[in-house]
């Protein structure tokens, strides 16, 4: 899906210095290994400042993976896991943002593609609000969390343990802290209610 700018849309970019994408997975069934992707970007458009209307097209560079262990990172990039030479990008394209629940969180539905395999996923979104920084830039903040099964995306490599279980867990927990900067807004539409804009999503 290609997102193109339209009349009345607000464009946002990711503030790379204040955003991160991390993950964790069980190791030996008793602990967790954590990692992150250092390089990512997205095209994000909303109607005014209402993030319930957000269109998101995000790309993550697989080769930017880091688990603070060079040999493990090399293994993750190999054919046994991400096969980064053939599939060096992870993509996410949003489809629906559901109304907030009792905790004030939202469900974000979209298509996640890893290793050339596309699946529908549901992520939890906590909206931090919209504010202007000391330099006049309009910012929006989010925490996005969710879980996926790596085998669904062809990441099936594993080693069984003598006492039962496997070396690498099946479930992967994802956590993203994202800060956006408003780039532009076309004013040829009716302004949204000022009070609603303060914490719209």
N, C-alpha and C. Protein backbone atom coordinates (compact mmCIF):
# COMPACT_ATOMS: atom_id res chain seq x y z
N UNK A 1 0.85 -1.20 0.00
CA UNK A 1 0.00 0.00 0.00
C UNK A 1 0.88 1.24 0.00
N UNK A 2 0.63 2.15 -0.93
CA UNK A 2 1.40 3.38 -0.99
C UNK A 2 0.53 4.53 -0.49
N UNK A 3 1.02 5.27 0.50
CA UNK A 3 0.27 6.39 1.06
C UNK A 3 0.71 7.66 0.35
N UNK A 4 -0.24 8.41 -0.19
CA UNK A 4 0.06 9.66 -0.86
C UNK A 4 -0.62 10.81 -0.13
N UNK A 5 0.01 11.96 -0.12
CA UNK A 5 -0.53 13.11 0.60
C UNK A 5 -1.76 13.66 -0.12
N UNK A 6 -2.81 13.95 0.62
CA UNK A 6 -4.06 14.44 0.07
C UNK A 6 -4.46 15.74 0.74
N UNK A 7 -5.44 16.45 0.12
CA UNK A 7 -5.95 17.68 0.70
C UNK A 7 -6.49 17.39 2.10
N UNK A 8 -6.11 18.22 3.06
CA UNK A 8 -6.63 18.08 4.41
C UNK A 8 -5.84 17.15 5.30
N UNK A 9 -4.77 16.57 4.79
CA UNK A 9 -3.99 15.65 5.61
C UNK A 9 -2.84 16.36 6.32
N UNK A 10 -2.52 15.84 7.49
CA UNK A 10 -1.34 16.29 8.24
C UNK A 10 -0.27 15.22 8.12
N UNK A 11 0.94 15.63 7.80
CA UNK A 11 2.04 14.70 7.65
C UNK A 11 2.92 14.73 8.89
N UNK A 12 3.31 13.54 9.35
CA UNK A 12 4.16 13.39 10.53
C UNK A 12 5.39 12.55 10.17
N UNK A 13 6.50 12.85 10.84
CA UNK A 13 7.70 12.02 10.67
C UNK A 13 8.16 11.51 12.03
N UNK A 14 8.91 10.42 12.04
CA UNK A 14 9.42 9.86 13.28
C UNK A 14 10.65 10.63 13.72
N UNK A 15 10.65 11.05 14.99
CA UNK A 15 11.84 11.67 15.59
C UNK A 15 12.77 10.53 16.00
N UNK A 16 13.79 10.31 15.17
CA UNK A 16 14.67 9.15 15.37
C UNK A 16 15.40 9.20 16.71
N UNK A 17 15.72 10.41 17.17
CA UNK A 17 16.49 10.54 18.41
C UNK A 17 15.68 10.18 19.65
N UNK A 18 14.36 10.16 19.52
CA UNK A 18 13.50 9.90 20.67
C UNK A 18 12.52 8.76 20.42
N UNK A 19 12.92 7.83 19.57
CA UNK A 19 12.07 6.68 19.25
C UNK A 19 12.92 5.41 19.23
N UNK A 20 12.29 4.29 19.55
CA UNK A 20 13.01 3.02 19.47
C UNK A 20 12.03 1.86 19.25
N UNK A 21 12.54 0.82 18.60
CA UNK A 21 11.78 -0.41 18.37
C UNK A 21 12.56 -1.55 19.00
N UNK A 22 11.98 -2.20 20.01
CA UNK A 22 12.67 -3.27 20.71
C UNK A 22 11.82 -4.54 20.71
N UNK A 23 12.48 -5.65 21.02
CA UNK A 23 11.79 -6.94 21.09
C UNK A 23 12.47 -7.81 22.14
N UNK A 24 11.78 -8.82 22.59
CA UNK A 24 12.39 -9.81 23.47
C UNK A 24 11.77 -11.17 23.22
N UNK A 25 12.58 -12.21 23.44
CA UNK A 25 12.13 -13.59 23.22
C UNK A 25 12.78 -14.47 24.27
N UNK A 26 12.09 -15.52 24.69
CA UNK A 26 12.63 -16.41 25.71
C UNK A 26 13.85 -17.19 25.20
N UNK A 27 14.82 -17.37 26.10
CA UNK A 27 16.01 -18.15 25.80
C UNK A 27 16.14 -19.26 26.82
N UNK A 28 16.27 -20.51 26.32
CA UNK A 28 16.39 -21.68 27.19
C UNK A 28 15.20 -21.86 28.13
N UNK A 29 14.09 -21.22 27.79
CA UNK A 29 12.83 -21.33 28.54
C UNK A 29 12.87 -20.68 29.92
N UNK A 30 13.98 -20.03 30.28
CA UNK A 30 14.10 -19.51 31.65
C UNK A 30 14.40 -18.01 31.70
N UNK A 31 14.84 -17.43 30.60
CA UNK A 31 15.22 -16.01 30.61
C UNK A 31 14.80 -15.38 29.28
N UNK A 32 15.14 -14.12 29.11
CA UNK A 32 14.81 -13.42 27.87
C UNK A 32 16.07 -12.83 27.23
N UNK A 33 16.09 -12.83 25.91
CA UNK A 33 17.08 -12.08 25.15
C UNK A 33 16.36 -10.87 24.56
N UNK A 34 16.96 -9.69 24.70
CA UNK A 34 16.36 -8.47 24.19
C UNK A 34 17.17 -7.92 23.03
N UNK A 35 16.51 -7.23 22.13
CA UNK A 35 17.18 -6.63 20.99
C UNK A 35 16.41 -5.44 20.48
N UNK A 36 16.96 -4.80 19.46
CA UNK A 36 16.30 -3.64 18.86
C UNK A 36 16.70 -3.51 17.40
N UNK A 37 15.93 -2.71 16.68
CA UNK A 37 16.27 -2.32 15.32
C UNK A 37 16.64 -0.84 15.35
N UNK A 38 17.81 -0.52 14.82
CA UNK A 38 18.32 0.84 14.92
C UNK A 38 17.86 1.75 13.79
N UNK A 39 17.46 1.17 12.65
CA UNK A 39 17.10 1.98 11.49
C UNK A 39 15.67 1.69 11.07
N UNK A 40 14.84 2.71 11.06
CA UNK A 40 13.44 2.56 10.67
C UNK A 40 12.88 3.94 10.31
N UNK A 41 11.79 3.94 9.56
CA UNK A 41 11.13 5.19 9.19
C UNK A 41 9.70 4.88 8.78
N UNK A 42 8.89 5.92 8.65
CA UNK A 42 7.49 5.71 8.29
C UNK A 42 6.90 6.93 7.61
N UNK A 43 5.91 6.68 6.75
CA UNK A 43 5.05 7.73 6.22
C UNK A 43 3.76 7.69 7.02
N UNK A 44 3.43 8.79 7.70
CA UNK A 44 2.25 8.84 8.56
C UNK A 44 1.43 10.07 8.23
N UNK A 45 0.15 9.87 7.95
CA UNK A 45 -0.75 10.97 7.64
C UNK A 45 -2.00 10.85 8.50
N UNK A 46 -2.50 11.99 8.98
CA UNK A 46 -3.75 12.02 9.75
C UNK A 46 -4.64 13.12 9.20
N UNK A 47 -5.92 13.04 9.54
CA UNK A 47 -6.85 14.14 9.27
C UNK A 47 -6.76 15.10 10.44
N UNK A 48 -6.22 16.28 10.21
CA UNK A 48 -5.98 17.20 11.31
C UNK A 48 -5.01 16.55 12.28
N UNK A 49 -5.39 16.53 13.56
CA UNK A 49 -4.56 15.88 14.58
C UNK A 49 -5.24 14.64 15.14
N UNK A 50 -6.21 14.12 14.39
CA UNK A 50 -6.98 12.97 14.87
C UNK A 50 -6.28 11.68 14.45
N UNK A 51 -5.60 11.03 15.38
CA UNK A 51 -4.83 9.84 15.04
C UNK A 51 -5.69 8.60 14.85
N UNK A 52 -7.01 8.70 15.12
CA UNK A 52 -7.89 7.59 14.75
C UNK A 52 -7.95 7.44 13.23
N UNK A 53 -7.59 8.50 12.50
CA UNK A 53 -7.62 8.47 11.04
C UNK A 53 -6.25 8.17 10.44
N UNK A 54 -5.28 7.81 11.26
CA UNK A 54 -3.90 7.67 10.81
C UNK A 54 -3.74 6.60 9.73
N UNK A 55 -2.96 6.95 8.71
CA UNK A 55 -2.49 6.00 7.71
C UNK A 55 -0.99 5.84 7.92
N UNK A 56 -0.57 4.61 8.18
CA UNK A 56 0.82 4.35 8.57
C UNK A 56 1.45 3.35 7.60
N UNK A 57 2.60 3.71 7.08
CA UNK A 57 3.38 2.81 6.23
C UNK A 57 4.81 2.84 6.76
N UNK A 58 5.21 1.79 7.45
CA UNK A 58 6.49 1.78 8.17
C UNK A 58 7.43 0.74 7.60
N UNK A 59 8.72 1.09 7.55
CA UNK A 59 9.77 0.18 7.10
C UNK A 59 10.87 0.10 8.14
N UNK A 60 11.35 -1.12 8.39
CA UNK A 60 12.44 -1.37 9.33
C UNK A 60 13.55 -2.11 8.59
N UNK A 61 14.78 -1.64 8.74
CA UNK A 61 15.91 -2.30 8.11
C UNK A 61 16.36 -3.48 8.98
N UNK A 62 16.24 -4.69 8.44
CA UNK A 62 16.62 -5.89 9.18
C UNK A 62 18.10 -5.87 9.56
N UNK A 63 18.93 -5.36 8.67
CA UNK A 63 20.38 -5.35 8.92
C UNK A 63 20.78 -4.47 10.09
N UNK A 64 19.84 -3.67 10.60
CA UNK A 64 20.15 -2.79 11.74
C UNK A 64 19.87 -3.46 13.08
N UNK A 65 19.57 -4.76 13.06
CA UNK A 65 19.25 -5.48 14.30
C UNK A 65 20.46 -5.49 15.24
N UNK A 66 20.19 -5.37 16.53
CA UNK A 66 21.26 -5.40 17.52
C UNK A 66 20.77 -6.06 18.80
N UNK A 67 21.49 -7.09 19.24
CA UNK A 67 21.20 -7.74 20.52
C UNK A 67 22.41 -7.66 21.45
N UNK A 68 23.34 -6.76 21.12
CA UNK A 68 24.57 -6.57 21.91
C UNK A 68 25.47 -7.80 21.91
N UNK A 69 25.35 -8.60 20.85
CA UNK A 69 26.24 -9.76 20.69
C UNK A 69 26.46 -9.95 19.19
N UNK A 70 27.67 -9.72 18.72
CA UNK A 70 27.95 -9.73 17.28
C UNK A 70 27.64 -11.08 16.65
N UNK A 71 28.06 -12.17 17.26
CA UNK A 71 27.82 -13.49 16.68
C UNK A 71 26.33 -13.81 16.60
N UNK A 72 25.59 -13.44 17.65
CA UNK A 72 24.14 -13.69 17.64
C UNK A 72 23.48 -12.85 16.55
N UNK A 73 23.89 -11.60 16.41
CA UNK A 73 23.33 -10.74 15.36
C UNK A 73 23.60 -11.33 13.98
N UNK A 74 24.81 -11.82 13.76
CA UNK A 74 25.15 -12.43 12.47
C UNK A 74 24.27 -13.65 12.21
N UNK A 75 24.01 -14.44 13.26
CA UNK A 75 23.14 -15.61 13.11
C UNK A 75 21.71 -15.19 12.77
N UNK A 76 21.22 -14.15 13.41
CA UNK A 76 19.87 -13.67 13.13
C UNK A 76 19.72 -13.17 11.70
N UNK A 77 20.79 -12.64 11.13
CA UNK A 77 20.75 -12.13 9.76
C UNK A 77 20.92 -13.24 8.72
N UNK A 78 21.31 -14.41 9.16
CA UNK A 78 21.59 -15.52 8.25
C UNK A 78 20.30 -16.15 7.71
N UNK A 79 20.46 -17.12 6.80
CA UNK A 79 19.32 -17.80 6.19
C UNK A 79 18.47 -18.54 7.22
N UNK A 80 19.08 -18.93 8.34
CA UNK A 80 18.32 -19.68 9.35
C UNK A 80 17.27 -18.83 10.05
N UNK A 81 17.45 -17.51 10.02
CA UNK A 81 16.47 -16.62 10.64
C UNK A 81 15.91 -15.63 9.61
N UNK A 82 16.38 -14.39 9.61
CA UNK A 82 15.77 -13.36 8.76
C UNK A 82 16.18 -13.45 7.29
N UNK A 83 17.28 -14.11 6.99
CA UNK A 83 17.78 -14.19 5.61
C UNK A 83 17.85 -12.78 5.00
N UNK A 84 18.62 -11.93 5.68
CA UNK A 84 18.64 -10.50 5.37
C UNK A 84 19.12 -10.18 3.96
N UNK A 85 19.91 -11.05 3.35
CA UNK A 85 20.36 -10.78 1.98
C UNK A 85 19.21 -10.79 1.00
N UNK A 86 18.19 -11.58 1.28
CA UNK A 86 17.01 -11.64 0.40
C UNK A 86 15.86 -10.78 0.92
N UNK A 87 15.79 -10.62 2.23
CA UNK A 87 14.64 -9.92 2.83
C UNK A 87 15.16 -8.91 3.86
N UNK A 88 15.66 -7.79 3.40
CA UNK A 88 16.29 -6.84 4.32
C UNK A 88 15.33 -5.78 4.86
N UNK A 89 14.04 -5.93 4.63
CA UNK A 89 13.09 -4.96 5.19
C UNK A 89 11.90 -5.66 5.83
N UNK A 90 11.50 -5.16 6.98
CA UNK A 90 10.24 -5.50 7.62
C UNK A 90 9.30 -4.33 7.37
N UNK A 91 8.06 -4.62 7.00
CA UNK A 91 7.12 -3.53 6.75
C UNK A 91 5.84 -3.72 7.55
N UNK A 92 5.22 -2.59 7.87
CA UNK A 92 3.92 -2.60 8.54
C UNK A 92 3.05 -1.52 7.90
N UNK A 93 1.86 -1.92 7.46
CA UNK A 93 0.90 -0.99 6.86
C UNK A 93 -0.39 -1.08 7.65
N UNK A 94 -0.84 0.04 8.22
CA UNK A 94 -2.03 0.03 9.07
C UNK A 94 -3.30 -0.14 8.24
N UNK A 95 -4.34 -0.67 8.90
CA UNK A 95 -5.64 -0.80 8.26
C UNK A 95 -6.75 -0.16 9.08
N UNK A 96 -6.74 -0.38 10.41
CA UNK A 96 -7.80 0.13 11.28
C UNK A 96 -7.24 0.48 12.65
N UNK A 97 -7.74 1.56 13.25
CA UNK A 97 -7.46 1.88 14.65
C UNK A 97 -8.80 1.89 15.39
N UNK A 98 -8.94 0.96 16.33
CA UNK A 98 -10.20 0.80 17.04
C UNK A 98 -10.35 1.87 18.12
N UNK A 99 -11.58 2.05 18.59
CA UNK A 99 -11.85 3.00 19.67
C UNK A 99 -11.13 2.57 20.93
N UNK A 100 -10.85 3.57 21.80
CA UNK A 100 -10.10 3.25 23.02
C UNK A 100 -10.93 2.41 23.97
N UNK A 101 -10.22 1.59 24.76
CA UNK A 101 -10.88 0.73 25.73
C UNK A 101 -10.97 1.44 27.08
N UNK A 102 -11.33 0.69 28.13
CA UNK A 102 -11.51 1.29 29.45
C UNK A 102 -10.21 1.87 30.00
N UNK A 103 -9.08 1.34 29.55
CA UNK A 103 -7.77 1.84 30.00
C UNK A 103 -7.27 3.01 29.17
N UNK A 104 -8.04 3.38 28.15
CA UNK A 104 -7.63 4.49 27.28
C UNK A 104 -6.72 4.08 26.15
N UNK A 105 -6.52 2.76 25.98
CA UNK A 105 -5.67 2.28 24.90
C UNK A 105 -6.50 1.92 23.66
N UNK A 106 -5.80 1.80 22.54
CA UNK A 106 -6.45 1.50 21.28
C UNK A 106 -5.84 0.25 20.67
N UNK A 107 -6.60 -0.38 19.76
CA UNK A 107 -6.07 -1.49 18.97
C UNK A 107 -5.70 -0.98 17.58
N UNK A 108 -4.48 -1.31 17.16
CA UNK A 108 -4.01 -0.95 15.83
C UNK A 108 -3.90 -2.23 15.01
N UNK A 109 -4.71 -2.31 13.94
CA UNK A 109 -4.70 -3.46 13.05
C UNK A 109 -3.89 -3.12 11.80
N UNK A 110 -3.16 -4.10 11.28
CA UNK A 110 -2.41 -3.83 10.07
C UNK A 110 -1.76 -5.09 9.52
N UNK A 111 -1.06 -4.91 8.41
CA UNK A 111 -0.38 -6.02 7.74
C UNK A 111 1.12 -5.93 8.02
N UNK A 112 1.66 -6.96 8.69
CA UNK A 112 3.08 -7.03 9.00
C UNK A 112 3.74 -8.02 8.05
N UNK A 113 4.83 -7.58 7.40
CA UNK A 113 5.55 -8.45 6.47
C UNK A 113 6.97 -8.67 6.97
N UNK A 114 7.31 -9.93 7.21
CA UNK A 114 8.66 -10.32 7.62
C UNK A 114 9.08 -11.49 6.74
N UNK A 115 10.28 -11.40 6.19
CA UNK A 115 10.84 -12.48 5.37
C UNK A 115 9.91 -12.82 4.20
N UNK A 116 9.24 -11.79 3.68
CA UNK A 116 8.36 -11.97 2.52
C UNK A 116 7.00 -12.55 2.84
N UNK A 117 6.70 -12.78 4.12
CA UNK A 117 5.41 -13.34 4.54
C UNK A 117 4.60 -12.26 5.23
N UNK A 118 3.36 -12.08 4.78
CA UNK A 118 2.49 -11.03 5.31
C UNK A 118 1.36 -11.63 6.14
N UNK A 119 1.19 -11.10 7.36
CA UNK A 119 0.12 -11.55 8.25
C UNK A 119 -0.56 -10.33 8.87
N UNK A 120 -1.85 -10.47 9.18
CA UNK A 120 -2.56 -9.44 9.91
C UNK A 120 -2.21 -9.53 11.39
N UNK A 121 -1.84 -8.41 12.00
CA UNK A 121 -1.50 -8.38 13.42
C UNK A 121 -2.31 -7.31 14.11
N UNK A 122 -2.48 -7.46 15.42
CA UNK A 122 -3.18 -6.48 16.24
C UNK A 122 -2.22 -6.01 17.33
N UNK A 123 -2.00 -4.71 17.39
CA UNK A 123 -1.09 -4.13 18.37
C UNK A 123 -1.85 -3.22 19.32
N UNK A 124 -1.32 -3.07 20.53
CA UNK A 124 -1.93 -2.16 21.51
C UNK A 124 -1.23 -0.81 21.44
N UNK A 125 -2.00 0.27 21.41
CA UNK A 125 -1.44 1.61 21.31
C UNK A 125 -1.86 2.45 22.51
N UNK A 126 -0.87 2.98 23.22
CA UNK A 126 -1.10 3.93 24.30
C UNK A 126 -0.70 5.31 23.79
N UNK A 127 -1.64 6.23 23.75
CA UNK A 127 -1.40 7.57 23.21
C UNK A 127 -0.92 8.50 24.32
N UNK A 128 0.26 9.09 24.12
CA UNK A 128 0.82 9.96 25.15
C UNK A 128 0.33 11.39 25.09
N UNK A 129 -0.19 11.82 23.93
CA UNK A 129 -0.68 13.18 23.79
C UNK A 129 0.08 13.96 22.73
N UNK A 130 -0.34 15.21 22.54
CA UNK A 130 0.28 16.12 21.58
C UNK A 130 0.73 17.38 22.33
N UNK A 131 1.93 17.86 22.01
CA UNK A 131 2.48 19.00 22.72
C UNK A 131 3.48 19.72 21.81
N UNK A 132 3.74 20.99 22.09
CA UNK A 132 4.79 21.72 21.38
C UNK A 132 6.06 21.72 22.21
N UNK A 133 7.20 21.44 21.55
CA UNK A 133 8.47 21.47 22.27
C UNK A 133 8.95 22.92 22.41
N UNK A 134 10.04 23.16 23.14
CA UNK A 134 10.51 24.54 23.36
C UNK A 134 10.88 25.29 22.09
N UNK A 135 11.02 24.58 20.96
CA UNK A 135 11.40 25.23 19.70
C UNK A 135 10.21 25.39 18.74
N UNK A 136 9.00 25.13 19.28
CA UNK A 136 7.80 25.35 18.50
C UNK A 136 7.37 24.19 17.62
N UNK A 137 8.06 23.06 17.72
CA UNK A 137 7.69 21.89 16.92
C UNK A 137 6.55 21.13 17.60
N UNK A 138 5.55 20.75 16.83
CA UNK A 138 4.43 19.99 17.39
C UNK A 138 4.78 18.51 17.41
N UNK A 139 4.64 17.88 18.59
CA UNK A 139 5.05 16.51 18.79
C UNK A 139 3.86 15.65 19.24
N UNK A 140 3.90 14.37 18.88
CA UNK A 140 2.92 13.39 19.35
C UNK A 140 3.66 12.16 19.81
N UNK A 141 3.20 11.53 20.91
CA UNK A 141 3.91 10.38 21.45
C UNK A 141 3.02 9.16 21.60
N UNK A 142 3.62 7.98 21.38
CA UNK A 142 2.90 6.72 21.45
C UNK A 142 3.79 5.62 22.01
N UNK A 143 3.17 4.66 22.68
CA UNK A 143 3.82 3.41 23.02
C UNK A 143 3.00 2.29 22.37
N UNK A 144 3.66 1.50 21.54
CA UNK A 144 2.99 0.42 20.81
C UNK A 144 3.57 -0.91 21.26
N UNK A 145 2.70 -1.83 21.67
CA UNK A 145 3.15 -3.13 22.14
C UNK A 145 2.34 -4.24 21.48
N UNK A 146 2.91 -5.43 21.47
CA UNK A 146 2.19 -6.57 20.90
C UNK A 146 3.04 -7.82 20.94
N UNK A 147 2.45 -8.93 20.52
CA UNK A 147 3.14 -10.21 20.47
C UNK A 147 2.85 -10.89 19.14
N UNK A 148 3.88 -11.51 18.58
CA UNK A 148 3.72 -12.29 17.37
C UNK A 148 4.37 -13.65 17.57
N UNK A 149 3.99 -14.62 16.73
CA UNK A 149 4.62 -15.93 16.72
C UNK A 149 5.59 -15.97 15.55
N UNK A 150 6.87 -16.14 15.85
CA UNK A 150 7.89 -16.01 14.81
C UNK A 150 7.73 -17.05 13.70
N UNK A 151 7.21 -18.25 14.03
CA UNK A 151 7.03 -19.29 13.02
C UNK A 151 6.03 -18.85 11.94
N UNK A 152 5.10 -17.96 12.30
CA UNK A 152 4.14 -17.46 11.31
C UNK A 152 4.83 -16.73 10.17
N UNK A 153 6.06 -16.25 10.43
CA UNK A 153 6.79 -15.48 9.45
C UNK A 153 8.03 -16.22 8.94
N UNK A 154 8.02 -17.53 9.08
CA UNK A 154 9.10 -18.34 8.54
C UNK A 154 10.36 -18.36 9.37
N UNK A 155 10.30 -17.85 10.61
CA UNK A 155 11.46 -17.84 11.50
C UNK A 155 11.37 -19.07 12.40
N UNK A 156 11.65 -20.23 11.84
CA UNK A 156 11.34 -21.50 12.50
C UNK A 156 12.54 -22.19 13.13
N UNK A 157 13.75 -21.68 12.91
CA UNK A 157 14.94 -22.35 13.41
C UNK A 157 14.89 -22.53 14.92
N UNK A 158 15.25 -23.72 15.41
CA UNK A 158 15.27 -23.96 16.85
C UNK A 158 16.10 -25.19 17.16
N UNK A 159 16.41 -25.37 18.44
CA UNK A 159 17.16 -26.54 18.92
C UNK A 159 16.45 -27.06 20.17
N UNK A 160 16.09 -28.35 20.21
CA UNK A 160 15.41 -28.89 21.39
C UNK A 160 16.36 -29.04 22.58
N UNK A 161 15.81 -28.93 23.78
CA UNK A 161 16.58 -29.10 25.01
C UNK A 161 16.38 -30.51 25.56
N UNK A 162 17.38 -31.02 26.26
CA UNK A 162 17.31 -32.38 26.81
C UNK A 162 16.12 -32.56 27.75
N UNK A 163 15.88 -31.58 28.59
CA UNK A 163 14.81 -31.70 29.57
C UNK A 163 13.45 -31.26 29.05
N UNK A 164 13.35 -31.00 27.76
CA UNK A 164 12.10 -30.53 27.18
C UNK A 164 12.18 -29.05 26.86
N UNK A 165 11.37 -28.62 25.92
CA UNK A 165 11.40 -27.23 25.50
C UNK A 165 12.43 -26.99 24.40
N UNK A 166 12.65 -25.73 24.08
CA UNK A 166 13.55 -25.37 22.98
C UNK A 166 14.44 -24.22 23.41
N UNK A 167 15.50 -23.98 22.63
CA UNK A 167 16.45 -22.92 22.95
C UNK A 167 15.81 -21.54 22.81
N UNK A 168 15.07 -21.33 21.71
CA UNK A 168 14.48 -20.01 21.43
C UNK A 168 12.96 -20.09 21.52
N UNK A 169 12.36 -19.20 22.28
CA UNK A 169 10.91 -19.19 22.43
C UNK A 169 10.19 -18.87 21.13
N UNK A 170 8.95 -19.32 21.04
CA UNK A 170 8.13 -19.09 19.85
C UNK A 170 7.54 -17.68 19.82
N UNK A 171 7.16 -17.18 20.98
CA UNK A 171 6.48 -15.89 21.06
C UNK A 171 7.49 -14.75 21.18
N UNK A 172 7.30 -13.72 20.39
CA UNK A 172 8.17 -12.54 20.41
C UNK A 172 7.35 -11.34 20.88
N UNK A 173 7.81 -10.68 21.91
CA UNK A 173 7.15 -9.47 22.42
C UNK A 173 7.78 -8.25 21.76
N UNK A 174 6.93 -7.35 21.29
CA UNK A 174 7.38 -6.14 20.59
C UNK A 174 7.00 -4.93 21.42
N UNK A 175 7.90 -3.96 21.51
CA UNK A 175 7.62 -2.71 22.21
C UNK A 175 8.24 -1.55 21.44
N UNK A 176 7.42 -0.57 21.09
CA UNK A 176 7.89 0.58 20.32
C UNK A 176 7.51 1.87 21.06
N UNK A 177 8.50 2.70 21.32
CA UNK A 177 8.25 4.04 21.84
C UNK A 177 8.51 5.01 20.69
N UNK A 178 7.45 5.67 20.25
CA UNK A 178 7.52 6.48 19.04
C UNK A 178 7.16 7.93 19.34
N UNK A 179 8.03 8.85 18.94
CA UNK A 179 7.74 10.28 19.02
C UNK A 179 7.69 10.83 17.60
N UNK A 180 6.59 11.50 17.28
CA UNK A 180 6.39 12.05 15.95
C UNK A 180 6.53 13.57 15.95
N UNK A 181 6.96 14.10 14.82
CA UNK A 181 7.02 15.54 14.61
C UNK A 181 6.11 15.91 13.45
N UNK A 182 5.24 16.91 13.66
CA UNK A 182 4.37 17.35 12.57
C UNK A 182 5.20 18.07 11.52
N UNK A 183 5.06 17.63 10.26
CA UNK A 183 5.83 18.21 9.17
C UNK A 183 5.04 19.29 8.45
N UNK A 184 3.79 18.98 8.11
CA UNK A 184 2.96 19.93 7.36
C UNK A 184 1.50 19.62 7.55
N UNK A 185 0.66 20.62 7.29
CA UNK A 185 -0.78 20.43 7.39
C UNK A 185 -1.45 21.32 6.37
N UNK A 186 -2.28 20.72 5.51
CA UNK A 186 -3.03 21.48 4.53
C UNK A 186 -4.24 22.10 5.21
N UNK A 187 -4.40 23.41 5.12
CA UNK A 187 -5.45 24.12 5.87
C UNK A 187 -6.76 24.25 5.09
N UNK A 188 -6.90 23.57 3.96
CA UNK A 188 -8.10 23.71 3.15
C UNK A 188 -9.22 22.80 3.62
N UNK A 189 -9.31 22.58 4.94
CA UNK A 189 -10.39 21.82 5.54
C UNK A 189 -10.83 22.53 6.81
N UNK A 190 -12.03 22.23 7.28
CA UNK A 190 -12.55 22.84 8.49
C UNK A 190 -11.71 22.41 9.68
N UNK A 191 -11.35 23.35 10.56
CA UNK A 191 -10.55 23.03 11.74
C UNK A 191 -11.32 22.09 12.67
N UNK A 192 -10.62 21.14 13.25
CA UNK A 192 -11.22 20.26 14.25
C UNK A 192 -11.43 21.03 15.55
N UNK A 193 -12.31 20.52 16.38
CA UNK A 193 -12.58 21.15 17.65
C UNK A 193 -11.30 21.27 18.47
N UNK A 194 -11.02 22.47 18.99
CA UNK A 194 -9.76 22.72 19.70
C UNK A 194 -9.60 21.83 20.91
N UNK A 195 -10.68 21.64 21.68
CA UNK A 195 -10.59 20.82 22.88
C UNK A 195 -10.29 19.37 22.53
N UNK A 196 -10.92 18.89 21.44
CA UNK A 196 -10.70 17.50 21.03
C UNK A 196 -9.27 17.30 20.55
N UNK A 197 -8.67 18.34 19.99
CA UNK A 197 -7.32 18.22 19.45
C UNK A 197 -6.28 17.96 20.53
N UNK A 198 -6.56 18.36 21.76
CA UNK A 198 -5.56 18.26 22.80
C UNK A 198 -5.11 16.82 23.03
N UNK A 199 -6.05 15.91 22.97
CA UNK A 199 -5.69 14.51 23.21
C UNK A 199 -6.37 13.58 22.22
N UNK A 200 -6.42 14.00 20.95
CA UNK A 200 -7.09 13.18 19.96
C UNK A 200 -6.25 12.01 19.53
N UNK A 201 -6.92 10.89 19.30
CA UNK A 201 -6.27 9.77 18.65
C UNK A 201 -7.33 9.00 17.89
